[in-house]
PDB file of N, CA and C in Angstrom:
ATOM      1  N   MET A   1     -89.259 -25.436 132.718  1.00  0.00           N
ATOM      2  CA  MET A   1     -87.878 -24.863 132.805  1.00  0.00           C
ATOM      3  C   MET A   1     -86.648 -24.774 134.033  1.00  0.00           C
ATOM      4  N   SER A   2     -86.376 -25.687 134.460  1.00  0.00           N
ATOM      5  CA  SER A   2     -85.560 -25.353 135.681  1.00  0.00           C
ATOM      6  C   SER A   2     -84.639 -24.317 136.104  1.00  0.00           C
ATOM      7  N   ASN A   3     -84.764 -23.791 137.068  1.00  0.00           N
ATOM      8  CA  ASN A   3     -83.751 -22.585 137.359  1.00  0.00           C
ATOM      9  C   ASN A   3     -82.309 -23.327 137.377  1.00  0.00           C
ATOM     10  N   LEU A   4     -81.616 -22.745 137.678  1.00  0.00           N
ATOM     11  CA  LEU A   4     -80.054 -22.534 137.539  1.00  0.00           C
ATOM     12  C   LEU A   4     -79.470 -22.216 138.739  1.00  0.00           C
ATOM     13  N   TYR A   5     -78.706 -22.526 139.647  1.00  0.00           N
ATOM     14  CA  TYR A   5     -78.233 -22.426 140.901  1.00  0.00           C
ATOM     15  C   TYR A   5     -76.433 -21.852 140.639  1.00  0.00           C
ATOM     16  N   ARG A   6     -76.014 -21.299 141.426  1.00  0.00           N
ATOM     17  CA  ARG A   6     -74.394 -21.166 141.555  1.00  0.00           C
ATOM     18  C   ARG A   6     -74.565 -20.501 142.843  1.00  0.00           C
ATOM     19  N   ALA A   7     -73.126 -21.004 143.815  1.00  0.00           N
ATOM     20  CA  ALA A   7     -72.932 -20.404 144.830  1.00  0.00           C
ATOM     21  C   ALA A   7     -71.943 -19.612 144.966  1.00  0.00           C
ATOM     22  N   ALA A   8     -72.635 -18.266 145.390  1.00  0.00           N
ATOM     23  CA  ALA A   8     -72.075 -16.666 145.325  1.00  0.00           C
ATOM     24  C   ALA A   8     -70.563 -16.755 145.031  1.00  0.00           C
ATOM     25  N   PRO A   9     -70.382 -16.102 143.957  1.00  0.00           N
ATOM     26  CA  PRO A   9     -68.785 -15.862 143.302  1.00  0.00           C
ATOM     27  C   PRO A   9     -67.709 -15.291 144.010  1.00  0.00           C
ATOM     28  N   ASP A  10     -67.848 -15.281 145.248  1.00  0.00           N
ATOM     29  CA  ASP A  10     -67.118 -14.305 146.321  1.00  0.00           C
ATOM     30  C   ASP A  10     -66.443 -15.065 147.017  1.00  0.00           C
ATOM     31  N   GLY A  11     -66.953 -16.681 147.400  1.00  0.00           N
ATOM     32  CA  GLY A  11     -66.319 -17.432 148.166  1.00  0.00           C
ATOM     33  C   GLY A  11     -66.779 -17.071 149.590  1.00  0.00           C
ATOM     34  N   LEU A  12     -66.708 -18.480 150.263  1.00  0.00           N
ATOM     35  CA  LEU A  12     -67.142 -18.370 151.378  1.00  0.00           C
ATOM     36  C   LEU A  12     -65.761 -19.151 152.418  1.00  0.00           C
ATOM     37  N   ILE A  13     -66.263 -18.504 153.695  1.00  0.00           N
ATOM     38  CA  ILE A  13     -64.863 -19.378 154.278  1.00  0.00           C
ATOM     39  C   ILE A  13     -66.009 -20.197 155.344  1.00  0.00           C
ATOM     40  N   GLN A  14     -65.795 -21.739 155.290  1.00  0.00           N
ATOM     41  CA  GLN A  14     -66.504 -22.145 155.949  1.00  0.00           C
ATOM     42  C   GLN A  14     -66.211 -22.923 157.721  1.00  0.00           C
ATOM     43  N   HIS A  15     -66.454 -22.961 158.899  1.00  0.00           N
ATOM     44  CA  HIS A  15     -66.201 -23.519 160.214  1.00  0.00           C
ATOM     45  C   HIS A  15     -67.071 -24.079 160.466  1.00  0.00           C
ATOM     46  N   PRO A  16     -67.115 -25.609 161.027  1.00  0.00           N
ATOM     47  CA  PRO A  16     -67.934 -26.204 161.832  1.00  0.00           C
ATOM     48  C   PRO A  16     -68.103 -25.994 163.242  1.00  0.00           C
ATOM     49  N   LEU A  17     -69.232 -26.059 163.752  1.00  0.00           N
ATOM     50  CA  LEU A  17     -69.267 -25.642 165.203  1.00  0.00           C
ATOM     51  C   LEU A  17     -70.029 -26.805 165.639  1.00  0.00           C
ATOM     52  N   ASP A  18     -69.709 -27.772 166.442  1.00  0.00           N
ATOM     53  CA  ASP A  18     -70.511 -28.799 166.603  1.00  0.00           C
ATOM     54  C   ASP A  18     -71.548 -29.226 165.808  1.00  0.00           C
ATOM     55  N   SER A  19     -73.165 -29.463 165.621  1.00  0.00           N
ATOM     56  CA  SER A  19     -73.831 -29.566 164.758  1.00  0.00           C
ATOM     57  C   SER A  19     -74.345 -27.859 163.802  1.00  0.00           C
ATOM     58  N   MET A  20     -73.854 -27.052 163.841  1.00  0.00           N
ATOM     59  CA  MET A  20     -73.787 -25.916 163.114  1.00  0.00           C
ATOM     60  C   MET A  20     -72.519 -25.929 162.151  1.00  0.00           C
ATOM     61  N   THR A  21     -72.921 -25.114 161.074  1.00  0.00           N
ATOM     62  CA  THR A  21     -71.593 -24.660 160.225  1.00  0.00           C
ATOM     63  C   THR A  21     -71.727 -22.737 160.151  1.00  0.00           C
ATOM     64  N   LEU A  22     -70.492 -22.637 160.635  1.00  0.00           N
ATOM     65  CA  LEU A  22     -70.723 -21.146 160.201  1.00  0.00           C
ATOM     66  C   LEU A  22     -69.928 -20.853 158.747  1.00  0.00           C
ATOM     67  N   LEU A  23     -70.466 -19.961 157.889  1.00  0.00           N
ATOM     68  CA  LEU A  23     -70.265 -19.223 156.607  1.00  0.00           C
ATOM     69  C   LEU A  23     -70.120 -18.012 156.807  1.00  0.00           C
ATOM     70  N   PHE A  24     -68.934 -17.523 156.350  1.00  0.00           N
ATOM     71  CA  PHE A  24     -68.839 -16.338 156.618  1.00  0.00           C
ATOM     72  C   PHE A  24     -68.346 -15.384 154.927  1.00  0.00           C
ATOM     73  N   GLN A  25     -69.391 -14.806 155.041  1.00  0.00           N
ATOM     74  CA  GLN A  25     -69.613 -14.402 153.648  1.00  0.00           C
ATOM     75  C   GLN A  25     -68.641 -12.907 153.070  1.00  0.00           C
ATOM     76  N   ARG A  26     -67.409 -13.156 152.550  1.00  0.00           N
ATOM     77  CA  ARG A  26     -66.610 -12.122 152.393  1.00  0.00           C
ATOM     78  C   ARG A  26     -66.893 -10.886 151.751  1.00  0.00           C
ATOM     79  N   SER A  27     -67.928 -10.689 151.012  1.00  0.00           N
ATOM     80  CA  SER A  27     -68.336  -9.577 150.426  1.00  0.00           C
ATOM     81  C   SER A  27     -69.211  -8.844 151.188  1.00  0.00           C
ATOM     82  N   SER A  28     -69.911  -9.302 152.298  1.00  0.00           N
ATOM     83  CA  SER A  28     -70.594  -8.755 152.937  1.00  0.00           C
ATOM     84  C   SER A  28     -70.673  -9.102 154.471  1.00  0.00           C
ATOM     85  N   GLY A  29     -68.998  -9.263 154.942  1.00  0.00           N
ATOM     86  CA  GLY A  29     -68.805  -9.263 156.269  1.00  0.00           C
ATOM     87  C   GLY A  29     -69.687  -9.870 157.131  1.00  0.00           C
ATOM     88  N   ILE A  30     -70.653 -10.496 156.789  1.00  0.00           N
ATOM     89  CA  ILE A  30     -71.424 -11.549 157.433  1.00  0.00           C
ATOM     90  C   ILE A  30     -71.570 -12.541 157.599  1.00  0.00           C
ATOM     91  N   THR A  31     -71.333 -13.297 158.926  1.00  0.00           N
ATOM     92  CA  THR A  31     -71.598 -14.534 159.060  1.00  0.00           C
ATOM     93  C   THR A  31     -72.616 -15.073 159.531  1.00  0.00           C
ATOM     94  N   HIS A  32     -73.329 -16.032 158.244  1.00  0.00           N
ATOM     95  CA  HIS A  32     -74.162 -17.123 158.840  1.00  0.00           C
ATOM     96  C   HIS A  32     -74.366 -18.458 159.720  1.00  0.00           C
ATOM     97  N   MET A  33     -74.814 -18.652 159.853  1.00  0.00           N
ATOM     98  CA  MET A  33     -75.012 -19.811 161.050  1.00  0.00           C
ATOM     99  C   MET A  33     -75.823 -20.873 160.213  1.00  0.00           C
ATOM    100  N   VAL A  34     -75.598 -21.669 159.760  1.00  0.00           N
ATOM    101  CA  VAL A  34     -76.176 -22.831 159.035  1.00  0.00           C
ATOM    102  C   VAL A  34     -76.313 -24.194 159.760  1.00  0.00           C
ATOM    103  N   ALA A  35     -77.212 -24.944 159.706  1.00  0.00           N
ATOM    104  CA  ALA A  35     -77.225 -26.497 159.794  1.00  0.00           C
ATOM    105  C   ALA A  35     -77.682 -27.411 158.704  1.00  0.00           C
ATOM    106  N   ASP A  36     -77.652 -28.389 158.932  1.00  0.00           N
ATOM    107  CA  ASP A  36     -77.842 -29.336 157.946  1.00  0.00           C
ATOM    108  C   ASP A  36     -78.926 -29.248 156.981  1.00  0.00           C
ATOM    109  N   PRO A  37     -79.391 -29.597 155.734  1.00  0.00           N
ATOM    110  CA  PRO A  37     -78.136 -29.404 155.037  1.00  0.00           C
ATOM    111  C   PRO A  37     -77.897 -28.817 154.029  1.00  0.00           C
ATOM    112  N   VAL A  38     -77.364 -27.398 154.658  1.00  0.00           N
ATOM    113  CA  VAL A  38     -77.590 -26.402 153.925  1.00  0.00           C
ATOM    114  C   VAL A  38     -75.524 -26.753 153.415  1.00  0.00           C
ATOM    115  N   PRO A  39     -74.545 -26.995 154.473  1.00  0.00           N
ATOM    116  CA  PRO A  39     -73.162 -27.158 154.213  1.00  0.00           C
ATOM    117  C   PRO A  39     -73.378 -28.064 153.051  1.00  0.00           C
ATOM    118  N   ALA A  40     -74.112 -29.495 153.157  1.00  0.00           N
ATOM    119  CA  ALA A  40     -73.864 -30.075 152.147  1.00  0.00           C
ATOM    120  C   ALA A  40     -74.104 -30.058 150.896  1.00  0.00           C
ATOM    121  N   ILE A  41     -75.517 -28.870 151.293  1.00  0.00           N
ATOM    122  CA  ILE A  41     -75.984 -28.544 149.452  1.00  0.00           C
ATOM    123  C   ILE A  41     -74.474 -27.615 149.193  1.00  0.00           C
ATOM    124  N   MET A  42     -74.028 -26.975 149.764  1.00  0.00           N
ATOM    125  CA  MET A  42     -73.024 -25.826 149.469  1.00  0.00           C
ATOM    126  C   MET A  42     -71.975 -26.580 148.738  1.00  0.00           C
ATOM    127  N   GLU A  43     -71.411 -27.923 149.435  1.00  0.00           N
ATOM    128  CA  GLU A  43     -70.417 -28.861 148.877  1.00  0.00           C
ATOM    129  C   GLU A  43     -70.318 -29.365 147.490  1.00  0.00           C
ATOM    130  N   VAL A  44     -72.122 -29.806 147.463  1.00  0.00           N
ATOM    131  CA  VAL A  44     -71.834 -30.181 146.142  1.00  0.00           C
ATOM    132  C   VAL A  44     -72.178 -29.880 144.609  1.00  0.00           C
ATOM    133  N   MET A  45     -72.246 -28.243 145.319  1.00  0.00           N
ATOM    134  CA  MET A  45     -72.511 -27.082 144.028  1.00  0.00           C
ATOM    135  C   MET A  45     -71.356 -26.649 143.318  1.00  0.00           C
ATOM    136  N   GLU A  46     -70.245 -26.726 144.462  1.00  0.00           N
ATOM    137  CA  GLU A  46     -69.003 -26.811 144.251  1.00  0.00           C
ATOM    138  C   GLU A  46     -69.018 -25.268 143.094  1.00  0.00           C
ATOM    139  N   THR A  47     -68.593 -25.199 141.604  1.00  0.00           N
ATOM    140  CA  THR A  47     -68.453 -23.990 141.413  1.00  0.00           C
ATOM    141  C   THR A  47     -69.688 -23.523 139.884  1.00  0.00           C
ATOM    142  N   ASP A  48     -70.396 -25.300 140.453  1.00  0.00           N
ATOM    143  CA  ASP A  48     -70.891 -25.273 139.055  1.00  0.00           C
ATOM    144  C   ASP A  48     -72.241 -24.916 138.830  1.00  0.00           C
ATOM    145  N   CYS A  49     -72.984 -24.518 137.984  1.00  0.00           N
ATOM    146  CA  CYS A  49     -74.513 -24.216 138.046  1.00  0.00           C
ATOM    147  C   CYS A  49     -75.240 -25.357 137.817  1.00  0.00           C
ATOM    148  N   VAL A  50     -76.214 -25.525 138.710  1.00  0.00           N
ATOM    149  CA  VAL A  50     -76.805 -26.582 139.282  1.00  0.00           C
ATOM    150  C   VAL A  50     -78.461 -26.183 139.449  1.00  0.00           C
ATOM    151  N   THR A  51     -79.300 -27.236 139.101  1.00  0.00           N
ATOM    152  CA  THR A  51     -80.345 -27.454 139.421  1.00  0.00           C
ATOM    153  C   THR A  51     -81.033 -28.520 140.547  1.00  0.00           C
ATOM    154  N   ALA A  52     -82.266 -27.727 141.329  1.00  0.00           N
ATOM    155  CA  ALA A  52     -82.072 -28.722 142.363  1.00  0.00           C
ATOM    156  C   ALA A  52     -82.517 -30.161 142.541  1.00  0.00           C
ATOM    157  N   ASN A  53     -82.305 -30.385 140.938  1.00  0.00           N
ATOM    158  CA  ASN A  53     -82.592 -32.123 140.677  1.00  0.00           C
ATOM    159  C   ASN A  53     -80.818 -32.659 140.715  1.00  0.00           C
ATOM    160  N   ASP A  54     -80.160 -31.432 140.181  1.00  0.00           N
ATOM    161  CA  ASP A  54     -78.590 -31.918 140.238  1.00  0.00           C
ATOM    162  C   ASP A  54     -78.008 -32.046 141.792  1.00  0.00           C
ATOM    163  N   VAL A  55     -78.301 -31.053 142.432  1.00  0.00           N
ATOM    164  CA  VAL A  55     -78.073 -31.251 143.902  1.00  0.00           C
ATOM    165  C   VAL A  55     -78.583 -32.537 144.620  1.00  0.00           C
ATOM    166  N   VAL A  56     -79.825 -33.007 144.486  1.00  0.00           N
ATOM    167  CA  VAL A  56     -80.367 -34.077 144.883  1.00  0.00           C
ATOM    168  C   VAL A  56     -79.551 -35.256 144.575  1.00  0.00           C
ATOM    169  N   GLN A  57     -79.167 -35.494 143.175  1.00  0.00           N
ATOM    170  CA  GLN A  57     -78.371 -36.669 142.622  1.00  0.00           C
ATOM    171  C   GLN A  57     -76.877 -36.929 143.047  1.00  0.00           C
ATOM    172  N   ARG A  58     -76.458 -35.703 143.069  1.00  0.00           N
ATOM    173  CA  ARG A  58     -74.737 -35.106 143.852  1.00  0.00           C
ATOM    174  C   ARG A  58     -74.896 -35.634 145.476  1.00  0.00           C
ATOM    175  N   LEU A  59     -76.213 -35.398 146.035  1.00  0.00           N
ATOM    176  CA  LEU A  59     -76.263 -35.955 147.560  1.00  0.00           C
ATOM    177  C   LEU A  59     -76.376 -36.699 147.587  1.00  0.00           C
ATOM    178  N   ALA A  60     -77.025 -37.688 146.657  1.00  0.00           N
ATOM    179  CA  ALA A  60     -77.422 -39.260 146.677  1.00  0.00           C
ATOM    180  C   ALA A  60     -76.456 -40.000 146.697  1.00  0.00           C
ATOM    181  N   LEU A  61     -75.632 -39.046 145.739  1.00  0.00           N
ATOM    182  CA  LEU A  61     -74.605 -40.500 146.080  1.00  0.00           C
ATOM    183  C   LEU A  61     -73.083 -40.802 147.068  1.00  0.00           C
ATOM    184  N   SER A  62     -73.820 -39.583 147.812  1.00  0.00           N
ATOM    185  CA  SER A  62     -72.499 -39.513 149.169  1.00  0.00           C
ATOM    186  C   SER A  62     -73.778 -40.211 150.760  1.00  0.00           C
ATOM    187  N   TYR A  63     -74.956 -39.898 150.070  1.00  0.00           N
ATOM    188  CA  TYR A  63     -76.033 -39.892 151.784  1.00  0.00           C
ATOM    189  C   TYR A  63     -77.056 -41.070 151.186  1.00  0.00           C
ATOM    190  N   ASP A  64     -77.841 -41.929 152.569  1.00  0.00           N
ATOM    191  CA  ASP A  64     -78.586 -42.803 151.744  1.00  0.00           C
ATOM    192  C   ASP A  64     -79.869 -41.905 152.209  1.00  0.00           C
ATOM    193  N   MET A  65     -80.548 -41.644 150.848  1.00  0.00           N
ATOM    194  CA  MET A  65     -81.741 -40.838 151.014  1.00  0.00           C
ATOM    195  C   MET A  65     -82.595 -41.188 149.345  1.00  0.00           C
ATOM    196  N   GLU A  66     -83.366 -40.810 149.772  1.00  0.00           N
ATOM    197  CA  GLU A  66     -84.797 -41.409 148.637  1.00  0.00           C
ATOM    198  C   GLU A  66     -84.436 -40.231 147.616  1.00  0.00           C
ATOM    199  N   VAL A  67     -84.093 -40.507 146.166  1.00  0.00           N
ATOM    200  CA  VAL A  67     -84.962 -39.216 145.146  1.00  0.00           C
ATOM    201  C   VAL A  67     -85.879 -39.319 144.693  1.00  0.00           C
ATOM    202  N   GLY A  68     -86.840 -38.380 145.099  1.00  0.00           N
ATOM    203  CA  GLY A  68     -87.933 -37.977 144.771  1.00  0.00           C
ATOM    204  C   GLY A  68     -88.143 -36.621 144.507  1.00  0.00           C
ATOM    205  N   MET A  69     -89.586 -36.418 143.940  1.00  0.00           N
ATOM    206  CA  MET A  69     -90.025 -35.141 143.846  1.00  0.00           C
ATOM    207  C   MET A  69     -89.878 -34.063 145.575  1.00  0.00           C
ATOM    208  N   GLU A  70     -90.581 -34.927 146.566  1.00  0.00           N
ATOM    209  CA  GLU A  70     -90.168 -34.044 147.703  1.00  0.00           C
ATOM    210  C   GLU A  70     -89.225 -33.720 148.035  1.00  0.00           C
ATOM    211  N   THR A  71     -87.893 -34.599 147.904  1.00  0.00           N
ATOM    212  CA  THR A  71     -86.882 -34.324 148.172  1.00  0.00           C
ATOM    213  C   THR A  71     -86.147 -33.174 147.211  1.00  0.00           C
ATOM    214  N   ILE A  72     -86.627 -33.016 146.228  1.00  0.00           N
ATOM    215  CA  ILE A  72     -85.952 -31.709 145.361  1.00  0.00           C
ATOM    216  C   ILE A  72     -87.061 -30.793 145.689  1.00  0.00           C
ATOM    217  N   ASP A  73     -88.309 -30.847 145.714  1.00  0.00           N
ATOM    218  CA  ASP A  73     -88.832 -29.676 146.593  1.00  0.00           C
ATOM    219  C   ASP A  73     -87.974 -29.196 148.016  1.00  0.00           C
ATOM    220  N   ILE A  74     -87.599 -30.194 148.728  1.00  0.00           N
ATOM    221  CA  ILE A  74     -86.609 -29.896 149.987  1.00  0.00           C
ATOM    222  C   ILE A  74     -85.593 -29.034 149.769  1.00  0.00           C
ATOM    223  N   VAL A  75     -84.620 -29.233 148.643  1.00  0.00           N
ATOM    224  CA  VAL A  75     -83.778 -28.803 148.456  1.00  0.00           C
ATOM    225  C   VAL A  75     -83.752 -27.236 147.678  1.00  0.00           C
ATOM    226  N   LEU A  76     -84.673 -27.185 146.771  1.00  0.00           N
ATOM    227  CA  LEU A  76     -85.073 -26.433 145.851  1.00  0.00           C
ATOM    228  C   LEU A  76     -85.687 -24.787 147.461  1.00  0.00           C
ATOM    229  N   ALA A  77     -86.155 -25.600 148.406  1.00  0.00           N
ATOM    230  CA  ALA A  77     -86.594 -24.491 148.989  1.00  0.00           C
ATOM    231  C   ALA A  77     -85.617 -24.015 149.840  1.00  0.00           C
ATOM    232  N   ARG A  78     -84.096 -24.676 150.066  1.00  0.00           N
ATOM    233  CA  ARG A  78     -83.011 -24.429 150.748  1.00  0.00           C
ATOM    234  C   ARG A  78     -82.510 -23.861 149.413  1.00  0.00           C
ATOM    235  N   LEU A  79     -82.482 -23.756 148.760  1.00  0.00           N
ATOM    236  CA  LEU A  79     -81.752 -22.943 147.567  1.00  0.00           C
ATOM    237  C   LEU A  79     -82.233 -21.777 147.434  1.00  0.00           C
ATOM    238  N   GLU A  80     -83.554 -21.492 147.493  1.00  0.00           N
ATOM    239  CA  GLU A  80     -84.368 -20.060 147.687  1.00  0.00           C
ATOM    240  C   GLU A  80     -83.968 -19.346 148.565  1.00  0.00           C
ATOM    241  N   GLU A  81     -83.852 -19.993 149.956  1.00  0.00           N
ATOM    242  CA  GLU A  81     -83.408 -19.365 151.224  1.00  0.00           C
ATOM    243  C   GLU A  81     -82.195 -18.878 151.121  1.00  0.00           C
ATOM    244  N   LEU A  82     -80.960 -19.772 150.901  1.00  0.00           N
ATOM    245  CA  LEU A  82     -79.956 -19.374 150.234  1.00  0.00           C
ATOM    246  C   LEU A  82     -80.037 -18.179 149.300  1.00  0.00           C
ATOM    247  N   CYS A  83     -80.471 -18.132 148.546  1.00  0.00           N
ATOM    248  CA  CYS A  83     -80.575 -16.644 147.374  1.00  0.00           C
ATOM    249  C   CYS A  83     -80.785 -15.785 148.063  1.00  0.00           C
ATOM    250  N   ALA A  84     -82.079 -15.428 148.909  1.00  0.00           N
ATOM    251  CA  ALA A  84     -82.315 -14.245 150.031  1.00  0.00           C
ATOM    252  C   ALA A  84     -81.251 -14.151 150.702  1.00  0.00           C
ATOM    253  N   LEU A  85     -80.328 -14.938 151.128  1.00  0.00           N
ATOM    254  CA  LEU A  85     -79.035 -14.748 152.181  1.00  0.00           C
ATOM    255  C   LEU A  85     -77.998 -14.245 151.290  1.00  0.00           C
ATOM    256  N   GLY A  86     -77.941 -14.877 150.190  1.00  0.00           N
ATOM    257  CA  GLY A  86     -76.814 -14.022 149.486  1.00  0.00           C
ATOM    258  C   GLY A  86     -75.707 -14.989 149.305  1.00  0.00           C
ATOM    259  N   LEU A  87     -76.120 -16.207 149.904  1.00  0.00           N
ATOM    260  CA  LEU A  87     -75.182 -17.218 149.771  1.00  0.00           C
ATOM    261  C   LEU A  87     -74.793 -18.011 148.051  1.00  0.00           C
ATOM    262  N   VAL A  88     -76.245 -17.974 147.719  1.00  0.00           N
ATOM    263  CA  VAL A  88     -76.207 -18.971 146.358  1.00  0.00           C
ATOM    264  C   VAL A  88     -76.886 -17.713 145.535  1.00  0.00           C
ATOM    265  N   GLU A  89     -76.643 -17.977 143.804  1.00  0.00           N
ATOM    266  CA  GLU A  89     -77.332 -16.828 143.114  1.00  0.00           C
ATOM    267  C   GLU A  89     -78.436 -17.855 142.305  1.00  0.00           C
ATOM    268  N   ARG A  90     -79.188 -16.681 141.304  1.00  0.00           N
ATOM    269  CA  ARG A  90     -80.035 -17.372 140.823  1.00  0.00           C
ATOM    270  C   ARG A  90     -79.588 -17.273 139.100  1.00  0.00           C
ATOM    271  N   VAL A  91     -79.237 -18.216 138.297  1.00  0.00           N
ATOM    272  CA  VAL A  91     -78.470 -18.140 136.665  1.00  0.00           C
ATOM    273  C   VAL A  91     -79.334 -17.511 136.107  1.00  0.00           C
TER     274      VAL A  91
END
């Protein structure tokens, strides 16, 4: 069974800064500095509950990338990191 994830419900303010993106988390008052592919992952998650596979499929619509287990594992690792930061929650 795949884990479901969703973006933290309190909303984030995103601000691109050169090759990085600043994510301000309203609930904690913390600003996180993230790099690709995190902003793209956050964007395709929207307000849906998604699996890592869902995220990869959505990213593949906009980016030239291979869709396979290795890519899904990479996205899954990023989702788990985002969970640890409180930017994404496991449903």
